[in-house]
Amino acid sequence: PRPPNPVPSLPLCRVVGAFPAEDAHFALVLDGRSLDVAVTEAGDTLTASTRLSPRTAGLQELNCTVAVGAAARTARAQLHVYRFPAPVLELSPVPAGGEVTVTCRAAAAEPPAVRLQLRDADGGVLAEGPQPQLELRLVAQREDDGRWFGCRASLAVGDGTVTKDTEARLAVLYMPEMEASSCPSNRTWLQGTREALSCGATGNPTPTVTCARDGATVSTHRPELVTRSRAGTYLCNATNSLGTRSRLITVRVECEWGRERGTGAEGRGTGHPPQVWG
């Protein structure tokens, strides 16, 4: 037989001209362990294949034996089994303004000749080298929240190179913030419509927003009928594990004279200005 194919995941063992072919029996043994084989026939060629799951790394001997009656032939090949797990990327949540260490570390590989790269979202290399661990220290700013980092490990195998990647995003923690664009301080609503006291906030962890007036909590998501009683000043709080930010919201309720009197457009022509409560 011809020597087994050196590809470790699917080695092949072929024999040409075995007769009678139906009496040929294959045996594949890796490092003393018998393997299951599948045999196919094409013309006068028989091919046995198997899938390998080596238990250990390093050099191992693969034997292929073909027997027809009392005659047997054996071919041997050396397999180099590599262990190459994905690298480890470590970065912990950090408060805004704090220092964080981004660590790119090679996992236990065989052989251990792994080269590392610490990369950014654009594919730029922040650090690289053959050492087992790379570190990058930086002062985290709020805009770094969600920043992408990649850790790439490369291992030379034969004439080529195998790479594996791990990625993670940085979590920068900061107190809630309530901007005028997402939580306006002054609102004017038209009586008879439906409005919600919406108020957005940013922060990490994501803050919880609650609004209340005179100690009574009001919904910030569900639109409700606008009446005179909803006019007034509300206190909205955005809270996460780092603290609370507050914002006062003044709501004015406007009533058009024509609508209140039921005269439609004619009422607006009487010269009476809109009535406002707030």
C-alpha atoms as a PDB file:
ATOM      1  CA  PRO A   1       0.000   0.000   0.000  1.00  0.00           C
ATOM      2  CA  ARG A   2       0.939   3.654  -0.393  1.00  0.00           C
ATOM      3  CA  PRO A   3       1.757   5.630   2.776  1.00  0.00           C
ATOM      4  CA  PRO A   4      -1.161   7.337   4.448  1.00  0.00           C
ATOM      5  CA  ASN A   5      -1.919  10.923   3.455  1.00  0.00           C
ATOM      6  CA  PRO A   6      -0.164  13.203   5.982  1.00  0.00           C
ATOM      7  CA  VAL A   7      -3.192  15.484   6.453  1.00  0.00           C
ATOM      8  CA  PRO A   8      -3.983  14.814  10.128  1.00  0.00           C
ATOM      9  CA  SER A   9      -7.755  15.325   9.997  1.00  0.00           C
ATOM     10  CA  LEU A  10      -8.514  12.805   7.199  1.00  0.00           C
ATOM     11  CA  PRO A  11      -5.649  10.406   6.436  1.00  0.00           C
ATOM     12  CA  LEU A  12      -6.019   8.081   3.432  1.00  0.00           C
ATOM     13  CA  CYS A  13      -4.494   4.686   2.787  1.00  0.00           C
ATOM     14  CA  ARG A  14      -4.618   3.309  -0.793  1.00  0.00           C
ATOM     15  CA  VAL A  15      -3.757  -0.033  -2.342  1.00  0.00           C
ATOM     16  CA  VAL A  16      -3.679  -0.711  -6.083  1.00  0.00           C
ATOM     17  CA  GLY A  17      -4.220  -4.100  -7.701  1.00  0.00           C
ATOM     18  CA  ALA A  18      -5.338  -6.100  -4.669  1.00  0.00           C
ATOM     19  CA  PHE A  19      -7.059  -9.301  -5.762  1.00  0.00           C
ATOM     20  CA  PRO A  20      -9.622 -10.330  -4.970  1.00  0.00           C
ATOM     21  CA  ALA A  21     -10.579  -6.792  -3.828  1.00  0.00           C
ATOM     22  CA  GLU A  22     -13.510  -7.959  -1.725  1.00  0.00           C
ATOM     23  CA  ASP A  23     -11.089  -9.976   0.435  1.00  0.00           C
ATOM     24  CA  ALA A  24      -8.867  -6.981   1.263  1.00  0.00           C
ATOM     25  CA  HIS A  25      -8.971  -5.883   4.891  1.00  0.00           C
ATOM     26  CA  PHE A  26      -7.578  -2.566   6.168  1.00  0.00           C
ATOM     27  CA  ALA A  27      -6.297  -1.753   9.637  1.00  0.00           C
ATOM     28  CA  LEU A  28      -5.309   1.789  10.644  1.00  0.00           C
ATOM     29  CA  VAL A  29      -3.517   2.235  13.963  1.00  0.00           C
ATOM     30  CA  LEU A  30      -2.455   5.562  15.475  1.00  0.00           C
ATOM     31  CA  ASP A  31       0.030   5.376  18.311  1.00  0.00           C
ATOM     32  CA  GLY A  32      -1.170   1.877  19.228  1.00  0.00           C
ATOM     33  CA  ARG A  33      -4.896   2.762  18.982  1.00  0.00           C
ATOM     34  CA  SER A  34      -7.052   1.110  16.306  1.00  0.00           C
ATOM     35  CA  LEU A  35      -9.154   3.482  14.197  1.00  0.00           C
ATOM     36  CA  ASP A  36     -12.487   3.056  12.432  1.00  0.00           C
ATOM     37  CA  VAL A  37     -12.097   3.077   8.639  1.00  0.00           C
ATOM     38  CA  ALA A  38     -14.334   3.543   5.611  1.00  0.00           C
ATOM     39  CA  VAL A  39     -13.250   1.754   2.408  1.00  0.00           C
ATOM     40  CA  THR A  40     -14.148   2.883  -1.117  1.00  0.00           C
ATOM     41  CA  GLU A  41     -13.355   1.212  -4.449  1.00  0.00           C
ATOM     42  CA  ALA A  42     -12.552   2.907  -7.772  1.00  0.00           C
ATOM     43  CA  GLY A  43     -11.379   0.608 -10.554  1.00  0.00           C
ATOM     44  CA  ASP A  44      -8.496  -1.466  -9.183  1.00  0.00           C
ATOM     45  CA  THR A  45      -7.813   1.012  -6.319  1.00  0.00           C
ATOM     46  CA  LEU A  46      -9.077   0.604  -2.763  1.00  0.00           C
ATOM     47  CA  THR A  47      -8.955   3.583  -0.415  1.00  0.00           C
ATOM     48  CA  ALA A  48      -9.412   3.518   3.345  1.00  0.00           C
ATOM     49  CA  SER A  49     -10.078   6.771   5.224  1.00  0.00           C
ATOM     50  CA  THR A  50     -10.592   7.729   8.832  1.00  0.00           C
ATOM     51  CA  ARG A  51     -11.021  10.846  10.913  1.00  0.00           C
ATOM     52  CA  LEU A  52      -8.528  11.464  13.662  1.00  0.00           C
ATOM     53  CA  SER A  53      -9.081  12.822  17.128  1.00  0.00           C
ATOM     54  CA  PRO A  54      -5.599  12.635  18.648  1.00  0.00           C
ATOM     55  CA  ARG A  55      -5.513  12.608  22.411  1.00  0.00           C
ATOM     56  CA  THR A  56      -2.071  14.133  22.736  1.00  0.00           C
ATOM     57  CA  ALA A  57       0.148  16.523  20.800  1.00  0.00           C
ATOM     58  CA  GLY A  58       3.550  15.769  19.305  1.00  0.00           C
ATOM     59  CA  LEU A  59       4.957  13.185  16.868  1.00  0.00           C
ATOM     60  CA  GLN A  60       2.859  10.045  16.499  1.00  0.00           C
ATOM     61  CA  GLU A  61       3.119   7.012  14.204  1.00  0.00           C
ATOM     62  CA  LEU A  62       0.269   6.059  11.919  1.00  0.00           C
ATOM     63  CA  ASN A  63       0.300   2.483  10.546  1.00  0.00           C
ATOM     64  CA  CYS A  64      -1.817   1.217   7.645  1.00  0.00           C
ATOM     65  CA  THR A  65      -1.952  -2.538   7.051  1.00  0.00           C
ATOM     66  CA  VAL A  66      -3.756  -4.214   4.147  1.00  0.00           C
ATOM     67  CA  ALA A  67      -4.254  -7.987   4.236  1.00  0.00           C
ATOM     68  CA  VAL A  68      -5.517 -10.274   1.459  1.00  0.00           C
ATOM     69  CA  GLY A  69      -5.672 -13.818   2.684  1.00  0.00           C
ATOM     70  CA  ALA A  70      -2.306 -14.640   4.297  1.00  0.00           C
ATOM     71  CA  ALA A  71      -0.472 -11.780   2.540  1.00  0.00           C
ATOM     72  CA  ALA A  72      -0.162  -8.402   4.300  1.00  0.00           C
ATOM     73  CA  ARG A  73       1.556  -5.135   3.575  1.00  0.00           C
ATOM     74  CA  THR A  74       2.152  -2.238   5.990  1.00  0.00           C
ATOM     75  CA  ALA A  75       2.978   1.436   5.415  1.00  0.00           C
ATOM     76  CA  ARG A  76       3.988   3.846   8.141  1.00  0.00           C
ATOM     77  CA  ALA A  77       3.946   7.639   8.427  1.00  0.00           C
ATOM     78  CA  GLN A  78       4.863  10.115  11.131  1.00  0.00           C
ATOM     79  CA  LEU A  79       2.157  12.593  12.050  1.00  0.00           C
ATOM     80  CA  HIS A  80       2.927  15.832  13.826  1.00  0.00           C
ATOM     81  CA  VAL A  81      -0.115  16.603  15.955  1.00  0.00           C
ATOM     82  CA  TYR A  82      -0.386  20.274  16.894  1.00  0.00           C
ATOM     83  CA  ARG A  83      -2.258  21.760  19.820  1.00  0.00           C
ATOM     84  CA  PHE A  84      -3.326  25.302  18.964  1.00  0.00           C
ATOM     85  CA  PRO A  85      -6.242  26.702  20.986  1.00  0.00           C
ATOM     86  CA  ALA A  86      -7.542  30.229  20.461  1.00  0.00           C
ATOM     87  CA  PRO A  87      -5.711  32.994  22.348  1.00  0.00           C
ATOM     88  CA  VAL A  88      -7.131  34.668  25.452  1.00  0.00           C
ATOM     89  CA  LEU A  89      -8.110  38.349  25.497  1.00  0.00           C
ATOM     90  CA  GLU A  90      -8.601  39.887  28.928  1.00  0.00           C
ATOM     91  CA  LEU A  91     -10.008  43.316  29.727  1.00  0.00           C
ATOM     92  CA  SER A  92     -12.142  44.298  32.696  1.00  0.00           C
ATOM     93  CA  PRO A  93     -14.814  47.016  32.980  1.00  0.00           C
ATOM     94  CA  VAL A  94     -13.262  50.281  34.150  1.00  0.00           C
ATOM     95  CA  PRO A  95     -14.692  53.612  35.334  1.00  0.00           C
ATOM     96  CA  ALA A  96     -14.212  56.548  32.983  1.00  0.00           C
ATOM     97  CA  GLY A  97     -10.840  58.126  33.708  1.00  0.00           C
ATOM     98  CA  GLY A  98      -9.434  54.896  35.129  1.00  0.00           C
ATOM     99  CA  GLU A  99      -6.545  52.859  33.750  1.00  0.00           C
ATOM    100  CA  VAL A 100      -7.241  49.546  32.086  1.00  0.00           C
ATOM    101  CA  THR A 101      -4.842  46.830  30.956  1.00  0.00           C
ATOM    102  CA  VAL A 102      -5.728  44.957  27.767  1.00  0.00           C
ATOM    103  CA  THR A 103      -4.006  41.565  27.809  1.00  0.00           C
ATOM    104  CA  CYS A 104      -3.538  39.282  24.803  1.00  0.00           C
ATOM    105  CA  ARG A 105      -2.267  35.887  25.967  1.00  0.00           C
ATOM    106  CA  ALA A 106      -1.380  32.693  24.142  1.00  0.00           C
ATOM    107  CA  ALA A 107      -3.100  29.558  25.376  1.00  0.00           C
ATOM    108  CA  ALA A 108      -1.092  26.373  25.935  1.00  0.00           C
ATOM    109  CA  ALA A 109       0.091  25.402  22.441  1.00  0.00           C
ATOM    110  CA  GLU A 110       2.294  22.592  21.115  1.00  0.00           C
ATOM    111  CA  PRO A 111       4.756  23.602  19.872  1.00  0.00           C
ATOM    112  CA  PRO A 112       4.744  26.817  21.924  1.00  0.00           C
ATOM    113  CA  ALA A 113       6.196  28.996  19.117  1.00  0.00           C
ATOM    114  CA  VAL A 114       3.142  31.267  18.870  1.00  0.00           C
ATOM    115  CA  ARG A 115       3.310  34.873  17.681  1.00  0.00           C
ATOM    116  CA  LEU A 116       0.745  37.330  19.040  1.00  0.00           C
ATOM    117  CA  GLN A 117      -0.836  40.537  17.755  1.00  0.00           C
ATOM    118  CA  LEU A 118      -3.056  42.941  19.674  1.00  0.00           C
ATOM    119  CA  ARG A 119      -5.267  44.684  17.115  1.00  0.00           C
ATOM    120  CA  ASP A 120      -7.822  47.473  16.893  1.00  0.00           C
ATOM    121  CA  ALA A 121     -11.108  47.620  14.990  1.00  0.00           C
ATOM    122  CA  ASP A 122      -9.443  48.918  11.822  1.00  0.00           C
ATOM    123  CA  GLY A 123      -6.975  46.025  11.742  1.00  0.00           C
ATOM    124  CA  GLY A 124      -4.125  48.170  13.024  1.00  0.00           C
ATOM    125  CA  VAL A 125      -1.524  46.448  15.171  1.00  0.00           C
ATOM    126  CA  LEU A 126      -1.275  47.938  18.666  1.00  0.00           C
ATOM    127  CA  ALA A 127       1.393  45.489  19.872  1.00  0.00           C
ATOM    128  CA  GLU A 128       2.991  42.297  18.599  1.00  0.00           C
ATOM    129  CA  GLY A 129       5.742  39.844  19.349  1.00  0.00           C
ATOM    130  CA  PRO A 130       6.703  36.211  19.985  1.00  0.00           C
ATOM    131  CA  GLN A 131       6.297  36.539  23.747  1.00  0.00           C
ATOM    132  CA  PRO A 132       3.484  34.541  25.398  1.00  0.00           C
ATOM    133  CA  GLN A 133       1.646  37.681  26.533  1.00  0.00           C
ATOM    134  CA  LEU A 134       1.103  41.219  25.255  1.00  0.00           C
ATOM    135  CA  GLU A 135      -0.205  44.100  27.360  1.00  0.00           C
ATOM    136  CA  LEU A 136      -1.571  47.525  26.460  1.00  0.00           C
ATOM    137  CA  ARG A 137      -2.346  50.088  29.178  1.00  0.00           C
ATOM    138  CA  LEU A 138      -4.620  53.025  28.517  1.00  0.00           C
ATOM    139  CA  VAL A 139      -6.701  55.587  30.371  1.00  0.00           C
ATOM    140  CA  ALA A 140     -10.299  54.843  29.474  1.00  0.00           C
ATOM    141  CA  GLN A 141     -12.513  57.695  28.354  1.00  0.00           C
ATOM    142  CA  ARG A 142     -16.259  57.598  27.983  1.00  0.00           C
ATOM    143  CA  GLU A 143     -15.923  57.441  24.184  1.00  0.00           C
ATOM    144  CA  ASP A 144     -13.922  54.210  24.599  1.00  0.00           C
ATOM    145  CA  ASP A 145     -17.056  52.413  25.786  1.00  0.00           C
ATOM    146  CA  GLY A 146     -17.642  49.557  23.339  1.00  0.00           C
ATOM    147  CA  ARG A 147     -14.185  49.911  21.779  1.00  0.00           C
ATOM    148  CA  TRP A 148     -13.201  46.723  19.945  1.00  0.00           C
ATOM    149  CA  PHE A 149      -9.954  44.850  20.569  1.00  0.00           C
ATOM    150  CA  GLY A 150      -8.696  41.710  18.866  1.00  0.00           C
ATOM    151  CA  CYS A 151      -6.060  39.177  19.902  1.00  0.00           C
ATOM    152  CA  ARG A 152      -4.534  37.129  17.057  1.00  0.00           C
ATOM    153  CA  ALA A 153      -2.255  34.131  17.514  1.00  0.00           C
ATOM    154  CA  SER A 154      -0.218  32.720  14.617  1.00  0.00           C
ATOM    155  CA  LEU A 155       1.518  29.345  14.475  1.00  0.00           C
ATOM    156  CA  ALA A 156       3.821  28.180  11.676  1.00  0.00           C
ATOM    157  CA  VAL A 157       2.743  24.743  10.424  1.00  0.00           C
ATOM    158  CA  GLY A 158       4.868  23.264   7.661  1.00  0.00           C
ATOM    159  CA  ASP A 159       5.155  25.843   4.882  1.00  0.00           C
ATOM    160  CA  GLY A 160       2.089  27.777   6.033  1.00  0.00           C
ATOM    161  CA  THR A 161       0.715  29.675   8.983  1.00  0.00           C
ATOM    162  CA  VAL A 162      -2.427  28.999  10.998  1.00  0.00           C
ATOM    163  CA  THR A 163      -4.117  31.901  12.790  1.00  0.00           C
ATOM    164  CA  LYS A 164      -6.800  32.077  15.458  1.00  0.00           C
ATOM    165  CA  ASP A 165      -8.562  35.171  16.736  1.00  0.00           C
ATOM    166  CA  THR A 166     -10.364  36.259  19.878  1.00  0.00           C
ATOM    167  CA  GLU A 167     -12.190  39.558  20.210  1.00  0.00           C
ATOM    168  CA  ALA A 168     -13.784  41.603  22.992  1.00  0.00           C
ATOM    169  CA  ARG A 169     -15.181  45.059  23.640  1.00  0.00           C
ATOM    170  CA  LEU A 170     -14.184  47.406  26.436  1.00  0.00           C
ATOM    171  CA  ALA A 171     -16.860  48.448  28.916  1.00  0.00           C
ATOM    172  CA  VAL A 172     -16.299  51.945  30.320  1.00  0.00           C
ATOM    173  CA  LEU A 173     -18.499  52.693  33.319  1.00  0.00           C
ATOM    174  CA  TYR A 174     -19.916  56.180  33.826  1.00  0.00           C
ATOM    175  CA  MET A 175     -22.698  57.912  35.726  1.00  0.00           C
ATOM    176  CA  PRO A 176     -26.037  58.640  34.071  1.00  0.00           C
ATOM    177  CA  GLU A 177     -26.336  61.709  31.883  1.00  0.00           C
ATOM    178  CA  MET A 178     -29.604  63.363  30.849  1.00  0.00           C
ATOM    179  CA  GLU A 179     -29.285  65.568  27.773  1.00  0.00           C
ATOM    180  CA  ALA A 180     -31.785  68.226  26.728  1.00  0.00           C
ATOM    181  CA  SER A 181     -32.247  66.431  23.413  1.00  0.00           C
ATOM    182  CA  SER A 182     -33.529  63.241  25.070  1.00  0.00           C
ATOM    183  CA  CYS A 183     -35.103  64.789  28.181  1.00  0.00           C
ATOM    184  CA  PRO A 184     -36.308  68.376  27.502  1.00  0.00           C
ATOM    185  CA  SER A 185     -36.865  70.528  30.602  1.00  0.00           C
ATOM    186  CA  ASN A 186     -39.898  72.336  29.173  1.00  0.00           C
ATOM    187  CA  ARG A 187     -42.866  70.703  27.456  1.00  0.00           C
ATOM    188  CA  THR A 188     -46.103  72.155  26.094  1.00  0.00           C
ATOM    189  CA  TRP A 189     -48.931  69.713  25.511  1.00  0.00           C
ATOM    190  CA  LEU A 190     -52.316  70.253  23.899  1.00  0.00           C
ATOM    191  CA  GLN A 191     -55.292  69.335  26.050  1.00  0.00           C
ATOM    192  CA  GLY A 192     -57.173  66.330  24.716  1.00  0.00           C
ATOM    193  CA  THR A 193     -54.167  64.713  23.034  1.00  0.00           C
ATOM    194  CA  ARG A 194     -52.183  61.793  24.432  1.00  0.00           C
ATOM    195  CA  GLU A 195     -48.600  62.308  25.652  1.00  0.00           C
ATOM    196  CA  ALA A 196     -45.971  60.407  27.639  1.00  0.00           C
ATOM    197  CA  LEU A 197     -43.443  62.074  29.923  1.00  0.00           C
ATOM    198  CA  SER A 198     -40.576  60.504  28.018  1.00  0.00           C
ATOM    199  CA  CYS A 199     -37.074  61.045  29.373  1.00  0.00           C
ATOM    200  CA  GLY A 200     -33.966  59.321  28.031  1.00  0.00           C
ATOM    201  CA  ALA A 201     -30.612  58.916  29.759  1.00  0.00           C
ATOM    202  CA  THR A 202     -27.253  57.418  28.906  1.00  0.00           C
ATOM    203  CA  GLY A 203     -24.821  55.654  31.222  1.00  0.00           C
ATOM    204  CA  ASN A 204     -23.024  52.398  31.813  1.00  0.00           C
ATOM    205  CA  PRO A 205     -24.489  50.309  33.342  1.00  0.00           C
ATOM    206  CA  THR A 206     -27.688  51.359  31.574  1.00  0.00           C
ATOM    207  CA  PRO A 207     -29.579  53.629  33.974  1.00  0.00           C
ATOM    208  CA  THR A 208     -33.147  53.267  35.161  1.00  0.00           C
ATOM    209  CA  VAL A 209     -35.234  56.405  34.665  1.00  0.00           C
ATOM    210  CA  THR A 210     -38.159  57.282  36.941  1.00  0.00           C
ATOM    211  CA  CYS A 211     -40.245  60.455  37.030  1.00  0.00           C
ATOM    212  CA  ALA A 212     -42.579  61.673  39.750  1.00  0.00           C
ATOM    213  CA  ARG A 213     -44.662  64.664  40.797  1.00  0.00           C
ATOM    214  CA  ASP A 214     -45.555  65.334  44.413  1.00  0.00           C
ATOM    215  CA  GLY A 215     -44.140  61.917  45.298  1.00  0.00           C
ATOM    216  CA  ALA A 216     -46.341  60.012  42.845  1.00  0.00           C
ATOM    217  CA  THR A 217     -44.516  58.080  40.094  1.00  0.00           C
ATOM    218  CA  VAL A 218     -45.738  58.630  36.553  1.00  0.00           C
ATOM    219  CA  SER A 219     -45.212  56.544  33.422  1.00  0.00           C
ATOM    220  CA  THR A 220     -42.422  57.613  31.076  1.00  0.00           C
ATOM    221  CA  HIS A 221     -43.451  55.259  28.250  1.00  0.00           C
ATOM    222  CA  ARG A 222     -47.252  55.000  28.083  1.00  0.00           C
ATOM    223  CA  PRO A 223     -49.057  57.926  26.416  1.00  0.00           C
ATOM    224  CA  GLU A 224     -51.953  59.196  28.532  1.00  0.00           C
ATOM    225  CA  LEU A 225     -54.735  61.709  27.996  1.00  0.00           C
ATOM    226  CA  VAL A 226     -53.613  65.294  28.497  1.00  0.00           C
ATOM    227  CA  THR A 227     -55.777  67.175  31.007  1.00  0.00           C
ATOM    228  CA  ARG A 228     -55.240  70.308  33.076  1.00  0.00           C
ATOM    229  CA  SER A 229     -54.235  68.130  36.026  1.00  0.00           C
ATOM    230  CA  ARG A 230     -51.064  66.973  34.240  1.00  0.00           C
ATOM    231  CA  ALA A 231     -49.601  70.471  34.185  1.00  0.00           C
ATOM    232  CA  GLY A 232     -46.807  71.094  36.703  1.00  0.00           C
ATOM    233  CA  THR A 233     -43.210  70.281  37.563  1.00  0.00           C
ATOM    234  CA  TYR A 234     -41.873  66.726  37.550  1.00  0.00           C
ATOM    235  CA  LEU A 235     -38.620  65.345  38.963  1.00  0.00           C
ATOM    236  CA  CYS A 236     -36.900  62.712  36.819  1.00  0.00           C
ATOM    237  CA  ASN A 237     -34.033  60.587  38.180  1.00  0.00           C
ATOM    238  CA  ALA A 238     -31.641  58.415  36.170  1.00  0.00           C
ATOM    239  CA  THR A 239     -29.868  55.857  38.356  1.00  0.00           C
ATOM    240  CA  ASN A 240     -27.215  53.204  37.888  1.00  0.00           C
ATOM    241  CA  SER A 241     -24.649  51.595  40.198  1.00  0.00           C
ATOM    242  CA  LEU A 242     -22.420  54.675  40.012  1.00  0.00           C
ATOM    243  CA  GLY A 243     -25.009  57.222  41.125  1.00  0.00           C
ATOM    244  CA  THR A 244     -28.026  59.307  40.196  1.00  0.00           C
ATOM    245  CA  ARG A 245     -28.608  62.343  37.992  1.00  0.00           C
ATOM    246  CA  SER A 246     -31.767  64.438  38.299  1.00  0.00           C
ATOM    247  CA  ARG A 247     -33.640  66.774  35.986  1.00  0.00           C
ATOM    248  CA  LEU A 248     -36.711  68.981  36.537  1.00  0.00           C
ATOM    249  CA  ILE A 249     -39.320  68.983  33.785  1.00  0.00           C
ATOM    250  CA  THR A 250     -42.028  71.633  33.530  1.00  0.00           C
ATOM    251  CA  VAL A 251     -45.174  70.661  31.641  1.00  0.00           C
ATOM    252  CA  ARG A 252     -47.638  73.286  30.401  1.00  0.00           C
ATOM    253  CA  VAL A 253     -51.051  72.279  29.116  1.00  0.00           C
ATOM    254  CA  GLU A 254     -52.534  74.470  26.389  1.00  0.00           C
ATOM    255  CA  CYS A 255     -56.200  74.702  25.542  1.00  0.00           C
ATOM    256  CA  GLU A 256     -57.389  76.467  22.391  1.00  0.00           C
ATOM    257  CA  TRP A 257     -60.498  78.530  23.069  1.00  0.00           C
ATOM    258  CA  GLY A 258     -62.203  77.204  20.010  1.00  0.00           C
ATOM    259  CA  ARG A 259     -61.679  73.593  21.056  1.00  0.00           C
ATOM    260  CA  GLU A 260     -62.758  74.227  24.653  1.00  0.00           C
ATOM    261  CA  ARG A 261     -65.919  76.052  23.581  1.00  0.00           C
ATOM    262  CA  GLY A 262     -66.675  73.543  20.824  1.00  0.00           C
ATOM    263  CA  THR A 263     -66.740  76.260  18.112  1.00  0.00           C
ATOM    264  CA  GLY A 264     -63.820  74.898  16.041  1.00  0.00           C
ATOM    265  CA  ALA A 265     -62.187  77.418  13.722  1.00  0.00           C
ATOM    266  CA  GLU A 266     -64.739  80.118  14.548  1.00  0.00           C
ATOM    267  CA  GLY A 267     -63.661  80.152  18.172  1.00  0.00           C
ATOM    268  CA  ARG A 268     -60.068  80.790  17.177  1.00  0.00           C
ATOM    269  CA  GLY A 269     -61.246  83.828  15.285  1.00  0.00           C
ATOM    270  CA  THR A 270     -62.760  85.544  18.343  1.00  0.00           C
ATOM    271  CA  GLY A 271     -59.462  87.084  19.329  1.00  0.00           C
ATOM    272  CA  HIS A 272     -59.055  84.974  22.473  1.00  0.00           C
ATOM    273  CA  PRO A 273     -55.500  83.608  22.965  1.00  0.00           C
ATOM    274  CA  PRO A 274     -54.952  79.948  23.868  1.00  0.00           C
ATOM    275  CA  GLN A 275     -55.436  79.124  27.557  1.00  0.00           C
ATOM    276  CA  VAL A 276     -52.317  77.658  29.195  1.00  0.00           C
ATOM    277  CA  TRP A 277     -51.944  75.862  32.545  1.00  0.00           C
ATOM    278  CA  GLY A 278     -48.589  75.081  34.034  1.00  0.00           C
END
